[in-house]
Amino acid sequence: MRQTANLLRRLRAGEALGEAELRRITCPVCIGLGECDRMVSPEESEQAARWLPRGRFERLLGVPHPIEQVPVEVLAPWLRTALERCLG
């Protein structure tokens, strides 16, 4: 929780990961944005996915933030599919 709190403080201070940092991440990354999530915009999430060499963006319809509020029957199939796509 402390790390999450520190991340949120840094983001609020404008210290988000930028293009240069994201381009150095070489593992597959799937950025999933819940349709009802208001933490970041779809445009910001899609841009981050484009900067990642092996990035993908997926929108989760009807899904809120935080992820703990997503029903398991919705989240589990999406996670399985996302992992299969990312790991091929």
PDB file of N, CA and C in Angstrom:
ATOM      1  N   MET A   1       0.818  -1.176   0.000  1.00  0.00           N
ATOM      2  CA  MET A   1       0.000   0.000   0.000  1.00  0.00           C
ATOM      3  C   MET A   1       0.873   1.255   0.000  1.00  0.00           C
ATOM      4  N   ARG A   2       1.995   1.165   0.698  1.00  0.00           N
ATOM      5  CA  ARG A   2       2.889   2.334   0.713  1.00  0.00           C
ATOM      6  C   ARG A   2       3.416   2.638  -0.685  1.00  0.00           C
ATOM      7  N   GLN A   3       3.777   1.596  -1.416  1.00  0.00           N
ATOM      8  CA  GLN A   3       4.286   1.805  -2.779  1.00  0.00           C
ATOM      9  C   GLN A   3       3.212   2.405  -3.678  1.00  0.00           C
ATOM     10  N   THR A   4       1.973   1.930  -3.547  1.00  0.00           N
ATOM     11  CA  THR A   4       0.874   2.486  -4.333  1.00  0.00           C
ATOM     12  C   THR A   4       0.654   3.949  -3.963  1.00  0.00           C
ATOM     13  N   ALA A   5       0.696   4.246  -2.673  1.00  0.00           N
ATOM     14  CA  ALA A   5       0.525   5.629  -2.231  1.00  0.00           C
ATOM     15  C   ALA A   5       1.647   6.506  -2.785  1.00  0.00           C
ATOM     16  N   ASN A   6       2.877   6.012  -2.754  1.00  0.00           N
ATOM     17  CA  ASN A   6       4.001   6.778  -3.312  1.00  0.00           C
ATOM     18  C   ASN A   6       3.837   6.999  -4.807  1.00  0.00           C
ATOM     19  N   LEU A   7       3.380   5.967  -5.528  1.00  0.00           N
ATOM     20  CA  LEU A   7       3.139   6.108  -6.965  1.00  0.00           C
ATOM     21  C   LEU A   7       2.087   7.182  -7.225  1.00  0.00           C
ATOM     22  N   LEU A   8       1.015   7.148  -6.491  1.00  0.00           N
ATOM     23  CA  LEU A   8      -0.045   8.140  -6.682  1.00  0.00           C
ATOM     24  C   LEU A   8       0.445   9.554  -6.371  1.00  0.00           C
ATOM     25  N   ARG A   9       1.265   9.695  -5.347  1.00  0.00           N
ATOM     26  CA  ARG A   9       1.835  11.015  -5.047  1.00  0.00           C
ATOM     27  C   ARG A   9       2.721  11.499  -6.198  1.00  0.00           C
ATOM     28  N   ARG A  10       3.544  10.603  -6.737  1.00  0.00           N
ATOM     29  CA  ARG A  10       4.424  10.967  -7.849  1.00  0.00           C
ATOM     30  C   ARG A  10       3.609  11.327  -9.091  1.00  0.00           C
ATOM     31  N   LEU A  11       2.569  10.569  -9.365  1.00  0.00           N
ATOM     32  CA  LEU A  11       1.731  10.870 -10.533  1.00  0.00           C
ATOM     33  C   LEU A  11       1.056  12.225 -10.366  1.00  0.00           C
ATOM     34  N   ARG A  12       0.560  12.494  -9.183  1.00  0.00           N
ATOM     35  CA  ARG A  12      -0.085  13.779  -8.920  1.00  0.00           C
ATOM     36  C   ARG A  12       0.907  14.931  -9.098  1.00  0.00           C
ATOM     37  N   ALA A  13       2.178  14.667  -8.803  1.00  0.00           N
ATOM     38  CA  ALA A  13       3.215  15.696  -8.947  1.00  0.00           C
ATOM     39  C   ALA A  13       3.730  15.790 -10.388  1.00  0.00           C
ATOM     40  N   GLY A  14       3.119  15.022 -11.291  1.00  0.00           N
ATOM     41  CA  GLY A  14       3.511  15.082 -12.697  1.00  0.00           C
ATOM     42  C   GLY A  14       4.690  14.209 -13.050  1.00  0.00           C
ATOM     43  N   GLU A  15       4.991  13.220 -12.232  1.00  0.00           N
ATOM     44  CA  GLU A  15       6.135  12.346 -12.470  1.00  0.00           C
ATOM     45  C   GLU A  15       5.724  11.032 -13.133  1.00  0.00           C
ATOM     46  N   ALA A  16       4.852  11.087 -14.096  1.00  0.00           N
ATOM     47  CA  ALA A  16       4.412   9.876 -14.787  1.00  0.00           C
ATOM     48  C   ALA A  16       5.540   9.327 -15.646  1.00  0.00           C
ATOM     49  N   LEU A  17       5.451   8.048 -15.960  1.00  0.00           N
ATOM     50  CA  LEU A  17       6.422   7.463 -16.882  1.00  0.00           C
ATOM     51  C   LEU A  17       6.224   8.097 -18.251  1.00  0.00           C
ATOM     52  N   GLY A  18       7.306   8.502 -18.859  1.00  0.00           N
ATOM     53  CA  GLY A  18       7.229   9.142 -20.166  1.00  0.00           C
ATOM     54  C   GLY A  18       7.590   8.190 -21.287  1.00  0.00           C
ATOM     55  N   GLU A  19       7.596   8.726 -22.487  1.00  0.00           N
ATOM     56  CA  GLU A  19       7.877   7.925 -23.677  1.00  0.00           C
ATOM     57  C   GLU A  19       9.221   7.211 -23.579  1.00  0.00           C
ATOM     58  N   ALA A  20      10.262   7.901 -23.177  1.00  0.00           N
ATOM     59  CA  ALA A  20      11.596   7.293 -23.122  1.00  0.00           C
ATOM     60  C   ALA A  20      11.623   6.082 -22.188  1.00  0.00           C
ATOM     61  N   GLU A  21      10.998   6.208 -21.013  1.00  0.00           N
ATOM     62  CA  GLU A  21      10.979   5.091 -20.066  1.00  0.00           C
ATOM     63  C   GLU A  21      10.152   3.925 -20.602  1.00  0.00           C
ATOM     64  N   LEU A  22       9.009   4.235 -21.178  1.00  0.00           N
ATOM     65  CA  LEU A  22       8.142   3.168 -21.686  1.00  0.00           C
ATOM     66  C   LEU A  22       8.777   2.430 -22.859  1.00  0.00           C
ATOM     67  N   ARG A  23       9.500   3.119 -23.707  1.00  0.00           N
ATOM     68  CA  ARG A  23      10.143   2.474 -24.857  1.00  0.00           C
ATOM     69  C   ARG A  23      11.238   1.488 -24.436  1.00  0.00           C
ATOM     70  N   ARG A  24      11.739   1.621 -23.209  1.00  0.00           N
ATOM     71  CA  ARG A  24      12.777   0.707 -22.717  1.00  0.00           C
ATOM     72  C   ARG A  24      12.208  -0.577 -22.112  1.00  0.00           C
ATOM     73  N   ILE A  25      10.903  -0.661 -21.955  1.00  0.00           N
ATOM     74  CA  ILE A  25      10.276  -1.853 -21.373  1.00  0.00           C
ATOM     75  C   ILE A  25      10.056  -2.857 -22.501  1.00  0.00           C
ATOM     76  N   THR A  26      10.761  -3.977 -22.448  1.00  0.00           N
ATOM     77  CA  THR A  26      10.738  -4.909 -23.582  1.00  0.00           C
ATOM     78  C   THR A  26       9.839  -6.122 -23.378  1.00  0.00           C
ATOM     79  N   CYS A  27       9.343  -6.328 -22.180  1.00  0.00           N
ATOM     80  CA  CYS A  27       8.452  -7.475 -21.977  1.00  0.00           C
ATOM     81  C   CYS A  27       7.049  -7.111 -22.485  1.00  0.00           C
ATOM     82  N   PRO A  28       6.229  -8.116 -22.797  1.00  0.00           N
ATOM     83  CA  PRO A  28       4.862  -7.817 -23.234  1.00  0.00           C
ATOM     84  C   PRO A  28       4.078  -7.128 -22.113  1.00  0.00           C
ATOM     85  N   VAL A  29       3.343  -6.077 -22.494  1.00  0.00           N
ATOM     86  CA  VAL A  29       2.526  -5.337 -21.525  1.00  0.00           C
ATOM     87  C   VAL A  29       1.155  -5.103 -22.137  1.00  0.00           C
ATOM     88  N   CYS A  30       0.129  -5.459 -21.392  1.00  0.00           N
ATOM     89  CA  CYS A  30      -1.238  -5.186 -21.824  1.00  0.00           C
ATOM     90  C   CYS A  30      -1.818  -4.136 -20.886  1.00  0.00           C
ATOM     91  N   ILE A  31      -2.169  -3.000 -21.439  1.00  0.00           N
ATOM     92  CA  ILE A  31      -2.789  -1.941 -20.649  1.00  0.00           C
ATOM     93  C   ILE A  31      -4.293  -2.080 -20.823  1.00  0.00           C
ATOM     94  N   GLY A  32      -4.947  -2.450 -19.744  1.00  0.00           N
ATOM     95  CA  GLY A  32      -6.393  -2.590 -19.759  1.00  0.00           C
ATOM     96  C   GLY A  32      -7.019  -1.420 -19.019  1.00  0.00           C
ATOM     97  N   LEU A  33      -7.934  -0.749 -19.656  1.00  0.00           N
ATOM     98  CA  LEU A  33      -8.599   0.393 -19.041  1.00  0.00           C
ATOM     99  C   LEU A  33     -10.085   0.105 -18.934  1.00  0.00           C
ATOM    100  N   GLY A  34     -10.583   0.154 -17.720  1.00  0.00           N
ATOM    101  CA  GLY A  34     -12.012  -0.020 -17.514  1.00  0.00           C
ATOM    102  C   GLY A  34     -12.784   1.157 -18.091  1.00  0.00           C
ATOM    103  N   GLU A  35     -13.870   0.864 -18.750  1.00  0.00           N
ATOM    104  CA  GLU A  35     -14.700   1.901 -19.375  1.00  0.00           C
ATOM    105  C   GLU A  35     -15.151   2.960 -18.362  1.00  0.00           C
ATOM    106  N   CYS A  36     -15.348   2.562 -17.115  1.00  0.00           N
ATOM    107  CA  CYS A  36     -15.824   3.480 -16.082  1.00  0.00           C
ATOM    108  C   CYS A  36     -14.691   4.018 -15.212  1.00  0.00           C
ATOM    109  N   ASP A  37     -13.465   3.743 -15.596  1.00  0.00           N
ATOM    110  CA  ASP A  37     -12.286   4.201 -14.843  1.00  0.00           C
ATOM    111  C   ASP A  37     -11.979   5.637 -15.229  1.00  0.00           C
ATOM    112  N   ARG A  38     -11.828   6.502 -14.231  1.00  0.00           N
ATOM    113  CA  ARG A  38     -11.556   7.916 -14.498  1.00  0.00           C
ATOM    114  C   ARG A  38     -10.166   8.340 -14.021  1.00  0.00           C
ATOM    115  N   MET A  39      -9.309   7.360 -13.691  1.00  0.00           N
ATOM    116  CA  MET A  39      -7.951   7.689 -13.227  1.00  0.00           C
ATOM    117  C   MET A  39      -7.113   8.282 -14.360  1.00  0.00           C
ATOM    118  N   VAL A  40      -7.239   7.714 -15.547  1.00  0.00           N
ATOM    119  CA  VAL A  40      -6.537   8.220 -16.732  1.00  0.00           C
ATOM    120  C   VAL A  40      -7.497   8.177 -17.907  1.00  0.00           C
ATOM    121  N   SER A  41      -7.180   8.905 -18.945  1.00  0.00           N
ATOM    122  CA  SER A  41      -8.062   8.929 -20.113  1.00  0.00           C
ATOM    123  C   SER A  41      -7.723   7.758 -21.046  1.00  0.00           C
ATOM    124  N   PRO A  42      -8.681   7.366 -21.881  1.00  0.00           N
ATOM    125  CA  PRO A  42      -8.391   6.338 -22.877  1.00  0.00           C
ATOM    126  C   PRO A  42      -7.235   6.756 -23.793  1.00  0.00           C
ATOM    127  N   GLU A  43      -7.185   8.034 -24.136  1.00  0.00           N
ATOM    128  CA  GLU A  43      -6.124   8.514 -25.026  1.00  0.00           C
ATOM    129  C   GLU A  43      -4.748   8.338 -24.391  1.00  0.00           C
ATOM    130  N   GLU A  44      -4.631   8.656 -23.106  1.00  0.00           N
ATOM    131  CA  GLU A  44      -3.350   8.488 -22.408  1.00  0.00           C
ATOM    132  C   GLU A  44      -2.953   7.016 -22.354  1.00  0.00           C
ATOM    133  N   SER A  45      -3.907   6.159 -22.089  1.00  0.00           N
ATOM    134  CA  SER A  45      -3.632   4.729 -21.999  1.00  0.00           C
ATOM    135  C   SER A  45      -3.228   4.156 -23.355  1.00  0.00           C
ATOM    136  N   GLU A  46      -3.939   4.554 -24.407  1.00  0.00           N
ATOM    137  CA  GLU A  46      -3.600   4.085 -25.750  1.00  0.00           C
ATOM    138  C   GLU A  46      -2.215   4.565 -26.165  1.00  0.00           C
ATOM    139  N   GLN A  47      -1.880   5.815 -25.834  1.00  0.00           N
ATOM    140  CA  GLN A  47      -0.557   6.353 -26.177  1.00  0.00           C
ATOM    141  C   GLN A  47       0.537   5.579 -25.461  1.00  0.00           C
ATOM    142  N   ALA A  48       0.339   5.298 -24.200  1.00  0.00           N
ATOM    143  CA  ALA A  48       1.328   4.522 -23.447  1.00  0.00           C
ATOM    144  C   ALA A  48       1.532   3.148 -24.085  1.00  0.00           C
ATOM    145  N   ALA A  49       0.452   2.508 -24.491  1.00  0.00           N
ATOM    146  CA  ALA A  49       0.558   1.193 -25.142  1.00  0.00           C
ATOM    147  C   ALA A  49       1.325   1.286 -26.457  1.00  0.00           C
ATOM    148  N   ARG A  50       1.143   2.364 -27.208  1.00  0.00           N
ATOM    149  CA  ARG A  50       1.881   2.541 -28.469  1.00  0.00           C
ATOM    150  C   ARG A  50       3.369   2.732 -28.225  1.00  0.00           C
ATOM    151  N   TRP A  51       3.729   3.388 -27.126  1.00  0.00           N
ATOM    152  CA  TRP A  51       5.141   3.604 -26.815  1.00  0.00           C
ATOM    153  C   TRP A  51       5.839   2.333 -26.355  1.00  0.00           C
ATOM    154  N   LEU A  52       5.089   1.402 -25.784  1.00  0.00           N
ATOM    155  CA  LEU A  52       5.676   0.139 -25.340  1.00  0.00           C
ATOM    156  C   LEU A  52       5.991  -0.724 -26.556  1.00  0.00           C
ATOM    157  N   PRO A  53       7.229  -1.190 -26.700  1.00  0.00           N
ATOM    158  CA  PRO A  53       7.586  -1.998 -27.875  1.00  0.00           C
ATOM    159  C   PRO A  53       6.679  -3.213 -28.080  1.00  0.00           C
ATOM    160  N   ARG A  54       6.223  -3.813 -26.989  1.00  0.00           N
ATOM    161  CA  ARG A  54       5.341  -4.984 -27.087  1.00  0.00           C
ATOM    162  C   ARG A  54       4.048  -4.710 -26.328  1.00  0.00           C
ATOM    163  N   GLY A  55       3.545  -3.475 -26.477  1.00  0.00           N
ATOM    164  CA  GLY A  55       2.362  -3.062 -25.743  1.00  0.00           C
ATOM    165  C   GLY A  55       1.069  -3.284 -26.503  1.00  0.00           C
ATOM    166  N   ARG A  56       0.017  -3.456 -25.741  1.00  0.00           N
ATOM    167  CA  ARG A  56      -1.348  -3.580 -26.271  1.00  0.00           C
ATOM    168  C   ARG A  56      -2.254  -2.729 -25.385  1.00  0.00           C
ATOM    169  N   PHE A  57      -3.324  -2.264 -25.983  1.00  0.00           N
ATOM    170  CA  PHE A  57      -4.337  -1.550 -25.212  1.00  0.00           C
ATOM    171  C   PHE A  57      -5.659  -2.272 -25.399  1.00  0.00           C
ATOM    172  N   GLU A  58      -6.356  -2.469 -24.306  1.00  0.00           N
ATOM    173  CA  GLU A  58      -7.691  -3.068 -24.366  1.00  0.00           C
ATOM    174  C   GLU A  58      -8.604  -2.322 -23.413  1.00  0.00           C
ATOM    175  N   ARG A  59      -9.802  -2.082 -23.891  1.00  0.00           N
ATOM    176  CA  ARG A  59     -10.823  -1.414 -23.073  1.00  0.00           C
ATOM    177  C   ARG A  59     -11.756  -2.490 -22.525  1.00  0.00           C
ATOM    178  N   LEU A  60     -12.028  -2.402 -21.236  1.00  0.00           N
ATOM    179  CA  LEU A  60     -12.911  -3.363 -20.577  1.00  0.00           C
ATOM    180  C   LEU A  60     -14.261  -2.689 -20.363  1.00  0.00           C
ATOM    181  N   LEU A  61     -15.246  -3.135 -21.105  1.00  0.00           N
ATOM    182  CA  LEU A  61     -16.564  -2.505 -21.066  1.00  0.00           C
ATOM    183  C   LEU A  61     -17.239  -2.693 -19.715  1.00  0.00           C
ATOM    184  N   GLY A  62     -17.759  -1.583 -19.188  1.00  0.00           N
ATOM    185  CA  GLY A  62     -18.505  -1.607 -17.938  1.00  0.00           C
ATOM    186  C   GLY A  62     -17.668  -1.810 -16.692  1.00  0.00           C
ATOM    187  N   VAL A  63     -16.353  -1.734 -16.806  1.00  0.00           N
ATOM    188  CA  VAL A  63     -15.472  -2.031 -15.677  1.00  0.00           C
ATOM    189  C   VAL A  63     -15.044  -0.734 -14.987  1.00  0.00           C
ATOM    190  N   PRO A  64     -15.132  -0.703 -13.635  1.00  0.00           N
ATOM    191  CA  PRO A  64     -14.749   0.483 -12.872  1.00  0.00           C
ATOM    192  C   PRO A  64     -13.296   0.425 -12.404  1.00  0.00           C
ATOM    193  N   HIS A  65     -12.924   1.435 -11.638  1.00  0.00           N
ATOM    194  CA  HIS A  65     -11.657   1.453 -10.912  1.00  0.00           C
ATOM    195  C   HIS A  65     -12.044   1.598  -9.452  1.00  0.00           C
ATOM    196  N   PRO A  66     -11.499   0.869  -8.550  1.00  0.00           N
ATOM    197  CA  PRO A  66     -10.380  -0.035  -8.635  1.00  0.00           C
ATOM    198  C   PRO A  66     -10.788  -1.426  -9.107  1.00  0.00           C
ATOM    199  N   ILE A  67      -9.783  -2.184  -9.492  1.00  0.00           N
ATOM    200  CA  ILE A  67     -10.005  -3.505 -10.067  1.00  0.00           C
ATOM    201  C   ILE A  67     -10.728  -4.438  -9.086  1.00  0.00           C
ATOM    202  N   GLU A  68     -10.589  -4.177  -7.803  1.00  0.00           N
ATOM    203  CA  GLU A  68     -11.239  -5.022  -6.796  1.00  0.00           C
ATOM    204  C   GLU A  68     -12.765  -4.977  -6.907  1.00  0.00           C
ATOM    205  N   GLN A  69     -13.290  -3.955  -7.581  1.00  0.00           N
ATOM    206  CA  GLN A  69     -14.741  -3.836  -7.738  1.00  0.00           C
ATOM    207  C   GLN A  69     -15.267  -4.622  -8.938  1.00  0.00           C
ATOM    208  N   VAL A  70     -14.368  -5.154  -9.748  1.00  0.00           N
ATOM    209  CA  VAL A  70     -14.776  -5.893 -10.942  1.00  0.00           C
ATOM    210  C   VAL A  70     -15.180  -7.308 -10.532  1.00  0.00           C
ATOM    211  N   PRO A  71     -16.362  -7.755 -10.937  1.00  0.00           N
ATOM    212  CA  PRO A  71     -16.764  -9.121 -10.612  1.00  0.00           C
ATOM    213  C   PRO A  71     -15.776 -10.136 -11.195  1.00  0.00           C
ATOM    214  N   VAL A  72     -15.445 -11.146 -10.424  1.00  0.00           N
ATOM    215  CA  VAL A  72     -14.478 -12.162 -10.842  1.00  0.00           C
ATOM    216  C   VAL A  72     -14.890 -12.806 -12.155  1.00  0.00           C
ATOM    217  N   GLU A  73     -16.181 -13.008 -12.362  1.00  0.00           N
ATOM    218  CA  GLU A  73     -16.647 -13.650 -13.592  1.00  0.00           C
ATOM    219  C   GLU A  73     -16.416 -12.770 -14.827  1.00  0.00           C
ATOM    220  N   VAL A  74     -16.186 -11.488 -14.637  1.00  0.00           N
ATOM    221  CA  VAL A  74     -15.840 -10.574 -15.732  1.00  0.00           C
ATOM    222  C   VAL A  74     -14.316 -10.493 -15.879  1.00  0.00           C
ATOM    223  N   LEU A  75     -13.633 -10.370 -14.751  1.00  0.00           N
ATOM    224  CA  LEU A  75     -12.193 -10.159 -14.764  1.00  0.00           C
ATOM    225  C   LEU A  75     -11.410 -11.401 -15.194  1.00  0.00           C
ATOM    226  N   ALA A  76     -11.760 -12.550 -14.678  1.00  0.00           N
ATOM    227  CA  ALA A  76     -10.982 -13.768 -14.950  1.00  0.00           C
ATOM    228  C   ALA A  76     -10.891 -14.096 -16.444  1.00  0.00           C
ATOM    229  N   PRO A  77     -12.000 -14.108 -17.198  1.00  0.00           N
ATOM    230  CA  PRO A  77     -11.875 -14.407 -18.629  1.00  0.00           C
ATOM    231  C   PRO A  77     -11.043 -13.361 -19.378  1.00  0.00           C
ATOM    232  N   TRP A  78     -11.183 -12.086 -18.991  1.00  0.00           N
ATOM    233  CA  TRP A  78     -10.396 -11.052 -19.663  1.00  0.00           C
ATOM    234  C   TRP A  78      -8.907 -11.254 -19.389  1.00  0.00           C
ATOM    235  N   LEU A  79      -8.553 -11.522 -18.133  1.00  0.00           N
ATOM    236  CA  LEU A  79      -7.151 -11.745 -17.797  1.00  0.00           C
ATOM    237  C   LEU A  79      -6.574 -12.933 -18.559  1.00  0.00           C
ATOM    238  N   ARG A  80      -7.325 -13.998 -18.641  1.00  0.00           N
ATOM    239  CA  ARG A  80      -6.856 -15.184 -19.365  1.00  0.00           C
ATOM    240  C   ARG A  80      -6.595 -14.854 -20.836  1.00  0.00           C
ATOM    241  N   THR A  81      -7.550 -14.190 -21.475  1.00  0.00           N
ATOM    242  CA  THR A  81      -7.405 -13.813 -22.878  1.00  0.00           C
ATOM    243  C   THR A  81      -6.243 -12.844 -23.069  1.00  0.00           C
ATOM    244  N   ALA A  82      -6.125 -11.847 -22.197  1.00  0.00           N
ATOM    245  CA  ALA A  82      -5.055 -10.861 -22.301  1.00  0.00           C
ATOM    246  C   ALA A  82      -3.686 -11.533 -22.157  1.00  0.00           C
ATOM    247  N   LEU A  83      -3.562 -12.442 -21.209  1.00  0.00           N
ATOM    248  CA  LEU A  83      -2.294 -13.147 -21.032  1.00  0.00           C
ATOM    249  C   LEU A  83      -1.969 -14.028 -22.236  1.00  0.00           C
ATOM    250  N   GLU A  84      -2.950 -14.692 -22.764  1.00  0.00           N
ATOM    251  CA  GLU A  84      -2.705 -15.526 -23.959  1.00  0.00           C
ATOM    252  C   GLU A  84      -2.235 -14.682 -25.132  1.00  0.00           C
ATOM    253  N   ARG A  85      -2.859 -13.519 -25.323  1.00  0.00           N
ATOM    254  CA  ARG A  85      -2.460 -12.619 -26.426  1.00  0.00           C
ATOM    255  C   ARG A  85      -1.066 -12.062 -26.214  1.00  0.00           C
ATOM    256  N   CYS A  86      -0.790 -11.637 -24.990  1.00  0.00           N
ATOM    257  CA  CYS A  86       0.507 -11.022 -24.710  1.00  0.00           C
ATOM    258  C   CYS A  86       1.644 -12.041 -24.756  1.00  0.00           C
ATOM    259  N   LEU A  87       1.386 -13.214 -24.267  1.00  0.00           N
ATOM    260  CA  LEU A  87       2.447 -14.221 -24.181  1.00  0.00           C
ATOM    261  C   LEU A  87       2.484 -15.120 -25.403  1.00  0.00           C
ATOM    262  N   GLY A  88       1.404 -15.079 -26.202  1.00  0.00           N
ATOM    263  CA  GLY A  88       1.330 -15.795 -27.466  1.00  0.00           C
ATOM    264  C   GLY A  88       1.674 -17.216 -27.339  1.00  0.00           C
TER     265      GLY A  88
END
